[in-house]
C-alpha atoms as a PDB file:
ATOM      1  CA  MET A   1      68.298  20.028   4.393  1.00  0.00           C
ATOM      2  CA  ASN A   2      71.353  22.017   5.382  1.00  0.00           C
ATOM      3  CA  ALA A   3      70.347  25.677   5.042  1.00  0.00           C
ATOM      4  CA  LEU A   4      73.718  26.419   3.392  1.00  0.00           C
ATOM      5  CA  ALA A   5      73.427  23.683   0.750  1.00  0.00           C
ATOM      6  CA  LYS A   6      72.667  24.667  -2.817  1.00  0.00           C
ATOM      7  CA  VAL A   7      69.235  23.646  -4.064  1.00  0.00           C
ATOM      8  CA  PRO A   8      69.542  21.501  -7.214  1.00  0.00           C
ATOM      9  CA  VAL A   9      67.608  22.614 -10.287  1.00  0.00           C
ATOM     10  CA  THR A  10      66.660  20.401 -13.219  1.00  0.00           C
ATOM     11  CA  ILE A  11      65.956  22.215 -16.492  1.00  0.00           C
ATOM     12  CA  VAL A  12      63.540  20.343 -18.758  1.00  0.00           C
ATOM     13  CA  THR A  13      63.773  21.552 -22.332  1.00  0.00           C
ATOM     14  CA  GLY A  14      62.369  20.192 -25.549  1.00  0.00           C
ATOM     15  CA  PHE A  15      60.597  21.226 -28.705  1.00  0.00           C
ATOM     16  CA  LEU A  16      56.900  22.061 -28.925  1.00  0.00           C
ATOM     17  CA  GLY A  17      54.725  19.113 -27.941  1.00  0.00           C
ATOM     18  CA  ALA A  18      57.585  16.750 -27.137  1.00  0.00           C
ATOM     19  CA  GLY A  19      55.963  15.692 -23.858  1.00  0.00           C
ATOM     20  CA  LYS A  20      57.716  17.846 -21.236  1.00  0.00           C
ATOM     21  CA  THR A  21      54.603  18.458 -19.145  1.00  0.00           C
ATOM     22  CA  THR A  22      53.643  14.775 -19.190  1.00  0.00           C
ATOM     23  CA  LEU A  23      57.142  13.806 -18.077  1.00  0.00           C
ATOM     24  CA  ILE A  24      57.134  16.379 -15.271  1.00  0.00           C
ATOM     25  CA  ARG A  25      53.727  15.264 -14.041  1.00  0.00           C
ATOM     26  CA  HIS A  26      55.031  11.691 -13.848  1.00  0.00           C
ATOM     27  CA  VAL A  27      58.011  12.897 -11.795  1.00  0.00           C
ATOM     28  CA  LEU A  28      55.743  14.844  -9.428  1.00  0.00           C
ATOM     29  CA  GLU A  29      53.561  11.779  -8.920  1.00  0.00           C
ATOM     30  CA  ASN A  30      56.626   9.630  -8.151  1.00  0.00           C
ATOM     31  CA  ALA A  31      58.847  12.059  -6.261  1.00  0.00           C
ATOM     32  CA  GLY A  32      60.126   9.511  -3.765  1.00  0.00           C
ATOM     33  CA  GLY A  33      59.640  11.760  -0.735  1.00  0.00           C
ATOM     34  CA  ARG A  34      61.288  14.821  -2.278  1.00  0.00           C
ATOM     35  CA  ARG A  35      59.689  18.232  -1.721  1.00  0.00           C
ATOM     36  CA  LEU A  36      59.586  19.719  -5.206  1.00  0.00           C
ATOM     37  CA  ALA A  37      58.919  23.145  -6.732  1.00  0.00           C
ATOM     38  CA  LEU A  38      58.201  23.931 -10.337  1.00  0.00           C
ATOM     39  CA  VAL A  39      58.681  26.929 -12.645  1.00  0.00           C
ATOM     40  CA  VAL A  40      56.699  26.682 -15.900  1.00  0.00           C
ATOM     41  CA  ASN A  41      57.407  28.926 -18.893  1.00  0.00           C
ATOM     42  CA  GLU A  42      55.019  29.125 -21.864  1.00  0.00           C
ATOM     43  CA  PHE A  43      54.189  30.915 -25.094  1.00  0.00           C
ATOM     44  CA  GLY A  44      50.725  32.439 -24.975  1.00  0.00           C
ATOM     45  CA  ASP A  45      48.691  33.620 -22.009  1.00  0.00           C
ATOM     46  CA  VAL A  46      46.352  30.629 -21.728  1.00  0.00           C
ATOM     47  CA  GLY A  47      48.780  28.792 -19.455  1.00  0.00           C
ATOM     48  CA  VAL A  48      47.920  25.235 -20.478  1.00  0.00           C
ATOM     49  CA  ASP A  49      50.972  23.465 -19.031  1.00  0.00           C
ATOM     50  CA  GLY A  50      50.887  25.286 -15.710  1.00  0.00           C
ATOM     51  CA  GLU A  51      47.167  24.611 -15.326  1.00  0.00           C
ATOM     52  CA  ILE A  52      47.647  20.903 -16.078  1.00  0.00           C
ATOM     53  CA  LEU A  53      50.297  20.612 -13.368  1.00  0.00           C
ATOM     54  CA  ARG A  54      48.460  22.743 -10.806  1.00  0.00           C
ATOM     55  CA  SER A  55      45.389  20.569 -11.164  1.00  0.00           C
ATOM     56  CA  CYS A  56      47.302  17.420 -10.192  1.00  0.00           C
ATOM     57  CA  GLY A  57      46.799  17.909  -6.452  1.00  0.00           C
ATOM     58  CA  ILE A  58      50.107  16.155  -5.768  1.00  0.00           C
ATOM     59  CA  GLU A  59      51.399  16.381  -2.204  1.00  0.00           C
ATOM     60  CA  SER A  60      55.076  16.438  -3.249  1.00  0.00           C
ATOM     61  CA  CYS A  61      54.508  19.724  -5.147  1.00  0.00           C
ATOM     62  CA  PRO A  62      51.684  21.817  -3.647  1.00  0.00           C
ATOM     63  CA  GLU A  63      50.061  24.546  -5.728  1.00  0.00           C
ATOM     64  CA  GLU A  64      52.017  27.322  -3.995  1.00  0.00           C
ATOM     65  CA  ASN A  65      55.236  25.671  -5.243  1.00  0.00           C
ATOM     66  CA  ILE A  66      54.187  26.008  -8.894  1.00  0.00           C
ATOM     67  CA  VAL A  67      55.108  29.303 -10.560  1.00  0.00           C
ATOM     68  CA  GLU A  68      53.966  30.107 -14.092  1.00  0.00           C
ATOM     69  CA  LEU A  69      55.792  32.628 -16.297  1.00  0.00           C
ATOM     70  CA  ALA A  70      53.921  33.282 -19.535  1.00  0.00           C
ATOM     71  CA  ASN A  71      56.464  35.494 -21.316  1.00  0.00           C
ATOM     72  CA  GLY A  72      57.402  32.855 -23.894  1.00  0.00           C
ATOM     73  CA  CYS A  73      61.155  32.935 -23.321  1.00  0.00           C
ATOM     74  CA  LEU A  74      62.411  32.607 -19.783  1.00  0.00           C
ATOM     75  CA  CYS A  75      66.036  32.797 -20.918  1.00  0.00           C
ATOM     76  CA  CYS A  76      65.406  36.336 -22.225  1.00  0.00           C
ATOM     77  CA  THR A  77      63.941  37.698 -18.973  1.00  0.00           C
ATOM     78  CA  VAL A  78      66.041  36.114 -16.256  1.00  0.00           C
ATOM     79  CA  ALA A  79      66.411  39.261 -14.132  1.00  0.00           C
ATOM     80  CA  ASP A  80      62.775  40.337 -14.462  1.00  0.00           C
ATOM     81  CA  ASP A  81      61.041  36.982 -14.077  1.00  0.00           C
ATOM     82  CA  PHE A  82      63.240  34.045 -13.139  1.00  0.00           C
ATOM     83  CA  VAL A  83      65.231  35.488 -10.225  1.00  0.00           C
ATOM     84  CA  PRO A  84      62.141  36.856  -8.400  1.00  0.00           C
ATOM     85  CA  ALA A  85      60.335  33.534  -8.920  1.00  0.00           C
ATOM     86  CA  ILE A  86      63.248  31.582  -7.488  1.00  0.00           C
ATOM     87  CA  GLU A  87      63.623  33.957  -4.539  1.00  0.00           C
ATOM     88  CA  ALA A  88      59.933  33.526  -3.751  1.00  0.00           C
ATOM     89  CA  LEU A  89      60.233  29.737  -3.791  1.00  0.00           C
ATOM     90  CA  LEU A  90      63.334  29.741  -1.587  1.00  0.00           C
ATOM     91  CA  SER A  91      61.630  32.005   0.932  1.00  0.00           C
ATOM     92  CA  HIS A  92      58.947  29.394   1.683  1.00  0.00           C
ATOM     93  CA  GLU A  93      59.002  28.029   5.218  1.00  0.00           C
ATOM     94  CA  LYS A  94      59.488  24.556   3.760  1.00  0.00           C
ATOM     95  CA  ARG A  95      62.215  25.188   1.220  1.00  0.00           C
ATOM     96  CA  PRO A  96      62.024  22.813  -1.764  1.00  0.00           C
ATOM     97  CA  ASP A  97      64.515  19.950  -1.964  1.00  0.00           C
ATOM     98  CA  HIS A  98      64.622  20.259  -5.754  1.00  0.00           C
ATOM     99  CA  ILE A  99      63.330  22.752  -8.331  1.00  0.00           C
ATOM    100  CA  ILE A 100      62.235  21.755 -11.831  1.00  0.00           C
ATOM    101  CA  VAL A 101      62.147  24.387 -14.585  1.00  0.00           C
ATOM    102  CA  GLU A 102      60.063  23.623 -17.691  1.00  0.00           C
ATOM    103  CA  THR A 103      61.129  25.928 -20.521  1.00  0.00           C
ATOM    104  CA  SER A 104      58.869  26.870 -23.398  1.00  0.00           C
ATOM    105  CA  GLY A 105      59.198  24.770 -26.524  1.00  0.00           C
ATOM    106  CA  LEU A 106      61.036  27.583 -28.336  1.00  0.00           C
ATOM    107  CA  ALA A 107      63.475  28.470 -25.558  1.00  0.00           C
ATOM    108  CA  LEU A 108      67.229  28.022 -25.815  1.00  0.00           C
ATOM    109  CA  PRO A 109      68.473  26.359 -22.604  1.00  0.00           C
ATOM    110  CA  LYS A 110      72.074  27.599 -22.608  1.00  0.00           C
ATOM    111  CA  PRO A 111      71.294  31.272 -21.774  1.00  0.00           C
ATOM    112  CA  LEU A 112      69.244  30.044 -18.832  1.00  0.00           C
ATOM    113  CA  VAL A 113      72.106  27.822 -17.639  1.00  0.00           C
ATOM    114  CA  LYS A 114      74.413  30.836 -17.910  1.00  0.00           C
ATOM    115  CA  ALA A 115      72.125  32.710 -15.518  1.00  0.00           C
ATOM    116  CA  PHE A 116      73.061  30.264 -12.774  1.00  0.00           C
ATOM    117  CA  ASP A 117      76.505  31.881 -12.758  1.00  0.00           C
ATOM    118  CA  TRP A 118      74.980  35.168 -11.554  1.00  0.00           C
ATOM    119  CA  PRO A 119      76.051  35.907  -7.937  1.00  0.00           C
ATOM    120  CA  PRO A 120      72.449  36.095  -6.596  1.00  0.00           C
ATOM    121  CA  ILE A 121      71.783  32.605  -7.975  1.00  0.00           C
ATOM    122  CA  ARG A 122      75.127  30.797  -7.911  1.00  0.00           C
ATOM    123  CA  SER A 123      75.431  30.839  -4.130  1.00  0.00           C
ATOM    124  CA  ARG A 124      72.000  29.274  -3.677  1.00  0.00           C
ATOM    125  CA  LEU A 125      71.335  27.040  -6.700  1.00  0.00           C
ATOM    126  CA  THR A 126      73.098  24.605  -9.013  1.00  0.00           C
ATOM    127  CA  VAL A 127      71.940  23.103 -12.314  1.00  0.00           C
ATOM    128  CA  ASP A 128      71.677  19.427 -11.426  1.00  0.00           C
ATOM    129  CA  GLY A 129      71.022  18.548 -15.046  1.00  0.00           C
ATOM    130  CA  VAL A 130      69.494  19.622 -18.355  1.00  0.00           C
ATOM    131  CA  ILE A 131      66.951  17.138 -19.699  1.00  0.00           C
ATOM    132  CA  ALA A 132      66.036  17.398 -23.408  1.00  0.00           C
ATOM    133  CA  VAL A 133      62.728  15.759 -24.293  1.00  0.00           C
ATOM    134  CA  VAL A 134      62.415  14.747 -27.951  1.00  0.00           C
ATOM    135  CA  ASP A 135      59.242  13.862 -29.880  1.00  0.00           C
ATOM    136  CA  GLY A 136      60.614  10.759 -31.585  1.00  0.00           C
ATOM    137  CA  ALA A 137      57.816  10.528 -34.147  1.00  0.00           C
ATOM    138  CA  ALA A 138      58.207  14.167 -35.207  1.00  0.00           C
ATOM    139  CA  VAL A 139      61.971  13.869 -35.600  1.00  0.00           C
ATOM    140  CA  ALA A 140      61.631  10.616 -37.544  1.00  0.00           C
ATOM    141  CA  ALA A 141      59.339  12.483 -39.942  1.00  0.00           C
ATOM    142  CA  GLY A 142      62.023  15.147 -40.504  1.00  0.00           C
ATOM    143  CA  ARG A 143      60.051  17.862 -38.749  1.00  0.00           C
ATOM    144  CA  PHE A 144      63.157  19.863 -37.839  1.00  0.00           C
ATOM    145  CA  ALA A 145      65.001  19.808 -41.163  1.00  0.00           C
ATOM    146  CA  ASP A 146      64.021  20.535 -44.757  1.00  0.00           C
ATOM    147  CA  ASP A 147      66.200  17.599 -45.862  1.00  0.00           C
ATOM    148  CA  PRO A 148      67.421  15.576 -42.829  1.00  0.00           C
ATOM    149  CA  ASP A 149      69.837  13.378 -44.836  1.00  0.00           C
ATOM    150  CA  GLU A 150      71.459  16.383 -46.510  1.00  0.00           C
ATOM    151  CA  VAL A 151      71.823  18.241 -43.213  1.00  0.00           C
ATOM    152  CA  LEU A 152      73.365  15.159 -41.585  1.00  0.00           C
ATOM    153  CA  ALA A 153      75.875  14.862 -44.441  1.00  0.00           C
ATOM    154  CA  GLN A 154      76.780  18.546 -44.132  1.00  0.00           C
ATOM    155  CA  ARG A 155      77.168  18.235 -40.371  1.00  0.00           C
ATOM    156  CA  GLU A 156      79.582  15.316 -40.774  1.00  0.00           C
ATOM    157  CA  GLU A 157      81.689  17.408 -43.168  1.00  0.00           C
ATOM    158  CA  ASP A 158      81.603  20.614 -41.136  1.00  0.00           C
ATOM    159  CA  ALA A 159      80.497  20.799 -37.507  1.00  0.00           C
ATOM    160  CA  ALA A 160      80.075  24.584 -37.843  1.00  0.00           C
ATOM    161  CA  VAL A 161      77.637  24.377 -40.765  1.00  0.00           C
ATOM    162  CA  ASP A 162      75.053  27.148 -40.902  1.00  0.00           C
ATOM    163  CA  HIS A 163      71.395  26.154 -40.751  1.00  0.00           C
ATOM    164  CA  ASP A 164      68.654  27.977 -42.606  1.00  0.00           C
ATOM    165  CA  ASN A 165      65.838  26.246 -40.748  1.00  0.00           C
ATOM    166  CA  PRO A 166      65.224  28.015 -37.382  1.00  0.00           C
ATOM    167  CA  LEU A 167      63.300  25.017 -36.082  1.00  0.00           C
ATOM    168  CA  GLU A 168      66.325  22.803 -36.514  1.00  0.00           C
ATOM    169  CA  GLU A 169      68.559  25.317 -34.732  1.00  0.00           C
ATOM    170  CA  VAL A 170      66.261  25.421 -31.700  1.00  0.00           C
ATOM    171  CA  TYR A 171      66.059  21.628 -31.655  1.00  0.00           C
ATOM    172  CA  GLU A 172      69.827  21.187 -31.932  1.00  0.00           C
ATOM    173  CA  ASP A 173      70.601  23.826 -29.290  1.00  0.00           C
ATOM    174  CA  GLN A 174      68.352  21.951 -26.873  1.00  0.00           C
ATOM    175  CA  LEU A 175      70.192  18.702 -27.572  1.00  0.00           C
ATOM    176  CA  LEU A 176      73.638  20.312 -27.360  1.00  0.00           C
ATOM    177  CA  CYS A 177      72.953  21.572 -23.844  1.00  0.00           C
ATOM    178  CA  ALA A 178      71.541  18.284 -22.525  1.00  0.00           C
ATOM    179  CA  ASP A 179      72.892  15.924 -19.884  1.00  0.00           C
ATOM    180  CA  LEU A 180      70.214  13.364 -20.713  1.00  0.00           C
ATOM    181  CA  VAL A 181      67.965  13.008 -23.772  1.00  0.00           C
ATOM    182  CA  ILE A 182      64.517  11.485 -23.310  1.00  0.00           C
ATOM    183  CA  LEU A 183      63.415  10.033 -26.652  1.00  0.00           C
ATOM    184  CA  ASN A 184      59.687  10.209 -26.013  1.00  0.00           C
ATOM    185  CA  LYS A 185      56.782   8.641 -27.942  1.00  0.00           C
ATOM    186  CA  ALA A 186      59.011   5.677 -28.770  1.00  0.00           C
ATOM    187  CA  ASP A 187      55.863   3.555 -29.101  1.00  0.00           C
ATOM    188  CA  LEU A 188      55.033   5.458 -32.319  1.00  0.00           C
ATOM    189  CA  LEU A 189      58.246   4.257 -34.005  1.00  0.00           C
ATOM    190  CA  ASP A 190      59.331   0.861 -35.261  1.00  0.00           C
ATOM    191  CA  GLU A 191      62.698  -0.525 -34.172  1.00  0.00           C
ATOM    192  CA  GLY A 192      64.533   0.778 -37.224  1.00  0.00           C
ATOM    193  CA  GLU A 193      63.145   4.302 -36.892  1.00  0.00           C
ATOM    194  CA  LEU A 194      63.919   4.360 -33.179  1.00  0.00           C
ATOM    195  CA  ALA A 195      67.523   3.293 -33.762  1.00  0.00           C
ATOM    196  CA  ARG A 196      67.981   5.862 -36.545  1.00  0.00           C
ATOM    197  CA  VAL A 197      66.623   8.776 -34.496  1.00  0.00           C
ATOM    198  CA  ALA A 198      68.722   7.800 -31.478  1.00  0.00           C
ATOM    199  CA  GLU A 199      71.862   7.574 -33.623  1.00  0.00           C
ATOM    200  CA  ASP A 200      71.176  10.960 -35.249  1.00  0.00           C
ATOM    201  CA  ILE A 201      70.830  12.503 -31.770  1.00  0.00           C
ATOM    202  CA  ARG A 202      74.134  10.987 -30.654  1.00  0.00           C
ATOM    203  CA  LYS A 203      75.857  12.373 -33.770  1.00  0.00           C
ATOM    204  CA  THR A 204      74.495  15.842 -32.999  1.00  0.00           C
ATOM    205  CA  ILE A 205      75.947  15.962 -29.477  1.00  0.00           C
ATOM    206  CA  PRO A 206      79.782  16.148 -29.365  1.00  0.00           C
ATOM    207  CA  ARG A 207      80.019  14.433 -25.967  1.00  0.00           C
ATOM    208  CA  SER A 208      78.705  11.291 -24.342  1.00  0.00           C
ATOM    209  CA  VAL A 209      75.043  11.777 -23.436  1.00  0.00           C
ATOM    210  CA  LYS A 210      72.621   8.960 -22.724  1.00  0.00           C
ATOM    211  CA  VAL A 211      69.557   8.697 -24.985  1.00  0.00           C
ATOM    212  CA  ALA A 212      66.676   7.014 -23.150  1.00  0.00           C
ATOM    213  CA  PRO A 213      63.621   5.885 -25.172  1.00  0.00           C
ATOM    214  CA  THR A 214      60.302   6.129 -23.362  1.00  0.00           C
ATOM    215  CA  ARG A 215      56.569   6.491 -23.877  1.00  0.00           C
ATOM    216  CA  GLU A 216      54.181   8.906 -22.152  1.00  0.00           C
ATOM    217  CA  GLY A 217      57.159  10.467 -20.346  1.00  0.00           C
ATOM    218  CA  LYS A 218      57.343   7.572 -17.888  1.00  0.00           C
ATOM    219  CA  VAL A 219      60.855   7.916 -16.497  1.00  0.00           C
ATOM    220  CA  ASP A 220      61.882   7.121 -12.927  1.00  0.00           C
ATOM    221  CA  ALA A 221      62.467  10.311 -10.920  1.00  0.00           C
ATOM    222  CA  ASP A 222      65.816   8.913  -9.747  1.00  0.00           C
ATOM    223  CA  VAL A 223      66.957   8.894 -13.388  1.00  0.00           C
ATOM    224  CA  LEU A 224      66.092  12.571 -13.938  1.00  0.00           C
ATOM    225  CA  LEU A 225      66.944  14.041 -10.532  1.00  0.00           C
ATOM    226  CA  GLY A 226      70.336  13.811  -8.847  1.00  0.00           C
ATOM    227  CA  ILE A 227      72.523  13.863 -11.979  1.00  0.00           C
ATOM    228  CA  GLY A 228      74.919  16.306 -10.292  1.00  0.00           C
ATOM    229  CA  ALA A 229      76.085  17.887 -13.555  1.00  0.00           C
ATOM    230  CA  ALA A 230      76.701  21.420 -12.183  1.00  0.00           C
ATOM    231  CA  ALA A 231      76.008  22.535 -15.749  1.00  0.00           C
ATOM    232  CA  GLU A 232      76.795  26.184 -14.941  1.00  0.00           C
ATOM    233  CA  ASP A 233      80.440  25.105 -14.594  1.00  0.00           C
ATOM    234  CA  ASP A 234      80.424  23.133 -17.848  1.00  0.00           C
ATOM    235  CA  LEU A 235      79.259  25.690 -20.418  1.00  0.00           C
ATOM    236  CA  ALA A 236      82.294  25.226 -22.670  1.00  0.00           C
ATOM    237  CA  HIS A 237      81.164  21.680 -23.478  1.00  0.00           C
ATOM    238  CA  ARG A 238      77.644  22.823 -24.435  1.00  0.00           C
ATOM    239  CA  PRO A 239      78.020  24.576 -27.827  1.00  0.00           C
ATOM    240  CA  SER A 240      75.160  26.563 -29.326  1.00  0.00           C
ATOM    241  CA  HIS A 241      74.319  28.060 -32.707  1.00  0.00           C
ATOM    242  CA  HIS A 242      73.832  31.337 -30.821  1.00  0.00           C
ATOM    243  CA  ASP A 243      77.129  31.484 -28.875  1.00  0.00           C
ATOM    244  CA  ALA A 244      78.332  34.512 -30.844  1.00  0.00           C
ATOM    245  CA  GLU A 245      75.189  36.506 -30.085  1.00  0.00           C
ATOM    246  CA  GLU A 246      74.972  38.769 -27.061  1.00  0.00           C
ATOM    247  CA  GLU A 247      71.240  38.158 -26.978  1.00  0.00           C
ATOM    248  CA  HIS A 248      68.680  36.328 -29.034  1.00  0.00           C
ATOM    249  CA  ASP A 249      65.044  36.695 -29.925  1.00  0.00           C
ATOM    250  CA  HIS A 250      62.241  34.581 -31.295  1.00  0.00           C
ATOM    251  CA  ASP A 251      61.319  36.681 -34.317  1.00  0.00           C
ATOM    252  CA  ASP A 252      61.272  33.485 -36.370  1.00  0.00           C
ATOM    253  CA  PHE A 253      58.047  32.429 -34.634  1.00  0.00           C
ATOM    254  CA  ASP A 254      54.530  33.756 -34.143  1.00  0.00           C
ATOM    255  CA  SER A 255      51.933  32.855 -31.534  1.00  0.00           C
ATOM    256  CA  PHE A 256      48.420  34.073 -30.862  1.00  0.00           C
ATOM    257  CA  VAL A 257      45.282  33.055 -28.968  1.00  0.00           C
ATOM    258  CA  VAL A 258      41.996  32.261 -30.704  1.00  0.00           C
ATOM    259  CA  GLU A 259      38.732  32.664 -28.786  1.00  0.00           C
ATOM    260  CA  MET A 260      36.230  30.004 -29.842  1.00  0.00           C
ATOM    261  CA  PRO A 261      32.567  29.252 -29.147  1.00  0.00           C
ATOM    262  CA  ALA A 262      31.513  26.140 -27.253  1.00  0.00           C
ATOM    263  CA  VAL A 263      31.758  22.981 -29.362  1.00  0.00           C
ATOM    264  CA  SER A 264      29.225  20.185 -29.652  1.00  0.00           C
ATOM    265  CA  ASP A 265      31.362  17.421 -31.179  1.00  0.00           C
ATOM    266  CA  PRO A 266      34.955  17.141 -29.850  1.00  0.00           C
ATOM    267  CA  ALA A 267      35.970  14.547 -32.465  1.00  0.00           C
ATOM    268  CA  ALA A 268      34.786  16.751 -35.326  1.00  0.00           C
ATOM    269  CA  LEU A 269      36.592  19.727 -33.814  1.00  0.00           C
ATOM    270  CA  VAL A 270      39.871  17.808 -33.560  1.00  0.00           C
ATOM    271  CA  SER A 271      39.536  16.749 -37.206  1.00  0.00           C
ATOM    272  CA  LYS A 272      39.070  20.398 -38.151  1.00  0.00           C
ATOM    273  CA  LEU A 273      42.081  21.463 -36.073  1.00  0.00           C
ATOM    274  CA  ALA A 274      44.260  18.820 -37.727  1.00  0.00           C
ATOM    275  CA  LYS A 275      43.264  20.063 -41.189  1.00  0.00           C
ATOM    276  CA  VAL A 276      43.886  23.699 -40.256  1.00  0.00           C
ATOM    277  CA  ALA A 277      47.291  22.784 -38.817  1.00  0.00           C
ATOM    278  CA  GLU A 278      48.237  20.919 -41.977  1.00  0.00           C
ATOM    279  CA  ASP A 279      46.893  23.570 -44.384  1.00  0.00           C
ATOM    280  CA  HIS A 280      48.648  26.459 -42.598  1.00  0.00           C
ATOM    281  CA  ASP A 281      51.801  24.664 -41.374  1.00  0.00           C
ATOM    282  CA  VAL A 282      50.974  25.261 -37.703  1.00  0.00           C
ATOM    283  CA  LEU A 283      53.543  23.811 -35.327  1.00  0.00           C
ATOM    284  CA  ARG A 284      51.481  23.610 -32.158  1.00  0.00           C
ATOM    285  CA  MET A 285      47.928  24.141 -30.902  1.00  0.00           C
ATOM    286  CA  LYS A 286      46.793  23.731 -27.323  1.00  0.00           C
ATOM    287  CA  GLY A 287      44.036  25.024 -25.137  1.00  0.00           C
ATOM    288  CA  PHE A 288      40.936  24.423 -23.020  1.00  0.00           C
ATOM    289  CA  LEU A 289      37.506  24.306 -24.644  1.00  0.00           C
ATOM    290  CA  GLU A 290      33.891  24.238 -23.511  1.00  0.00           C
ATOM    291  CA  VAL A 291      31.740  21.389 -24.804  1.00  0.00           C
ATOM    292  CA  SER A 292      28.028  22.155 -24.873  1.00  0.00           C
ATOM    293  CA  GLY A 293      26.085  20.298 -22.206  1.00  0.00           C
ATOM    294  CA  LYS A 294      29.201  18.857 -20.542  1.00  0.00           C
ATOM    295  CA  PRO A 295      30.345  19.750 -17.004  1.00  0.00           C
ATOM    296  CA  MET A 296      33.956  18.873 -17.862  1.00  0.00           C
ATOM    297  CA  ARG A 297      36.593  21.040 -19.536  1.00  0.00           C
ATOM    298  CA  LEU A 298      38.137  19.689 -22.756  1.00  0.00           C
ATOM    299  CA  LEU A 299      41.935  19.808 -23.048  1.00  0.00           C
ATOM    300  CA  VAL A 300      43.169  19.769 -26.658  1.00  0.00           C
ATOM    301  CA  GLN A 301      46.843  19.491 -27.644  1.00  0.00           C
ATOM    302  CA  GLY A 302      48.305  19.126 -31.120  1.00  0.00           C
ATOM    303  CA  VAL A 303      51.765  18.792 -32.659  1.00  0.00           C
ATOM    304  CA  GLY A 304      51.520  19.481 -36.368  1.00  0.00           C
ATOM    305  CA  ALA A 305      48.476  17.494 -37.497  1.00  0.00           C
ATOM    306  CA  ARG A 306      48.682  14.985 -34.593  1.00  0.00           C
ATOM    307  CA  PHE A 307      46.111  15.809 -31.900  1.00  0.00           C
ATOM    308  CA  ARG A 308      45.040  14.411 -28.571  1.00  0.00           C
ATOM    309  CA  HIS A 309      42.080  15.474 -26.453  1.00  0.00           C
ATOM    310  CA  HIS A 310      40.396  14.504 -23.204  1.00  0.00           C
ATOM    311  CA  PHE A 311      38.235  15.987 -20.460  1.00  0.00           C
ATOM    312  CA  ASP A 312      40.725  17.008 -17.769  1.00  0.00           C
ATOM    313  CA  ARG A 313      38.499  18.300 -14.941  1.00  0.00           C
ATOM    314  CA  PRO A 314      35.076  19.794 -14.157  1.00  0.00           C
ATOM    315  CA  TRP A 315      34.601  23.515 -14.624  1.00  0.00           C
ATOM    316  CA  ALA A 316      34.892  25.155 -11.204  1.00  0.00           C
ATOM    317  CA  ALA A 317      31.949  26.990  -9.663  1.00  0.00           C
ATOM    318  CA  GLY A 318      31.961  30.556 -10.943  1.00  0.00           C
ATOM    319  CA  GLU A 319      34.766  29.842 -13.443  1.00  0.00           C
ATOM    320  CA  PRO A 320      34.192  31.461 -16.876  1.00  0.00           C
ATOM    321  CA  ARG A 321      33.635  28.747 -19.472  1.00  0.00           C
ATOM    322  CA  ARG A 322      35.944  30.228 -22.084  1.00  0.00           C
ATOM    323  CA  SER A 323      37.218  28.315 -25.093  1.00  0.00           C
ATOM    324  CA  ARG A 324      40.719  29.540 -25.935  1.00  0.00           C
ATOM    325  CA  LEU A 325      43.354  27.994 -28.178  1.00  0.00           C
ATOM    326  CA  VAL A 326      47.042  28.938 -28.469  1.00  0.00           C
ATOM    327  CA  VAL A 327      48.377  28.719 -32.032  1.00  0.00           C
ATOM    328  CA  ILE A 328      52.158  28.648 -32.613  1.00  0.00           C
ATOM    329  CA  GLY A 329      54.081  28.535 -35.873  1.00  0.00           C
ATOM    330  CA  GLU A 330      56.927  29.980 -37.875  1.00  0.00           C
ATOM    331  CA  LYS A 331      56.937  33.667 -38.753  1.00  0.00           C
ATOM    332  CA  GLY A 332      54.319  34.587 -41.322  1.00  0.00           C
ATOM    333  CA  LEU A 333      51.362  32.597 -39.992  1.00  0.00           C
ATOM    334  CA  ASP A 334      48.182  33.889 -41.650  1.00  0.00           C
ATOM    335  CA  ARG A 335      46.246  34.632 -38.479  1.00  0.00           C
ATOM    336  CA  ALA A 336      43.142  35.872 -40.284  1.00  0.00           C
ATOM    337  CA  ALA A 337      42.960  32.754 -42.469  1.00  0.00           C
ATOM    338  CA  ILE A 338      43.478  30.435 -39.510  1.00  0.00           C
ATOM    339  CA  GLU A 339      40.800  32.190 -37.452  1.00  0.00           C
ATOM    340  CA  ALA A 340      38.411  32.061 -40.411  1.00  0.00           C
ATOM    341  CA  ALA A 341      39.072  28.349 -40.942  1.00  0.00           C
ATOM    342  CA  LEU A 342      38.461  27.615 -37.266  1.00  0.00           C
ATOM    343  CA  ALA A 343      35.228  29.620 -37.300  1.00  0.00           C
ATOM    344  CA  ALA A 344      33.889  27.925 -40.462  1.00  0.00           C
END
């Protein structure tokens, strides 16, 4: 690569549990000869997504090219976290051909895109594209609006309508900044639901953006990388609910980590987690757990009351067998009640 050429950066955004990490892992496994680097941003200090990707052992993206930032909102700490991480990656002897940034599920992508206009970044990087990953099943169930039909009617009457639901604002801001929308988990929808969700997404975005249905995040790397959007030069066409704010915060959301004992029955645990999530309106749970008598570590991930679990790898020699679960929800989560329910 020409040492003077800008390194392209793809920003992968999407709501909690949409499938960003699965999509990125698929890209890493099918990089087509590209030398990739990855910056992962998460809520909670367990670092589930970064650990999943580091454990891949993929030649196209070695472990030293994966940087994890666990501050919960990369767009709020660009100077403190993002710029040093990028500088470290670019200083490697083998500079990456392409950098992928996975934002947290509650991050707003536009402030991060704006950061690429900073002089220390602009001369070295360009935003090749913003990819918004959508959980099709969650959106079809109206997860991001109290009354989806009413909100759609209001939006058609007034594009500047105010939204009372912070989840919907985060979701819409991610769509509004996108160059490509990946409608993931399409296999969980029938044809009518899939068409309706895709049409609602197109109505949300005031410019032509392709909506690509997929399952398990299986998208060709050539579709995601090499878009050439130079999004930092196109901010005017990426409106946001937060454009009038000098800065933003995530006071609408809470997250905490629950320490748990080893479990004996993974299926029973997942049933309990689903009930707790439903009873307490938890948005997202994810973590690594110890199963008694098993040499493998159990990875558990849930979106609302939908959970998946599998043994991802053996516990390493000398590694503490800790069971820790990140819980994320809207402001006002009853932490004590949730911890009590999980311990029961």
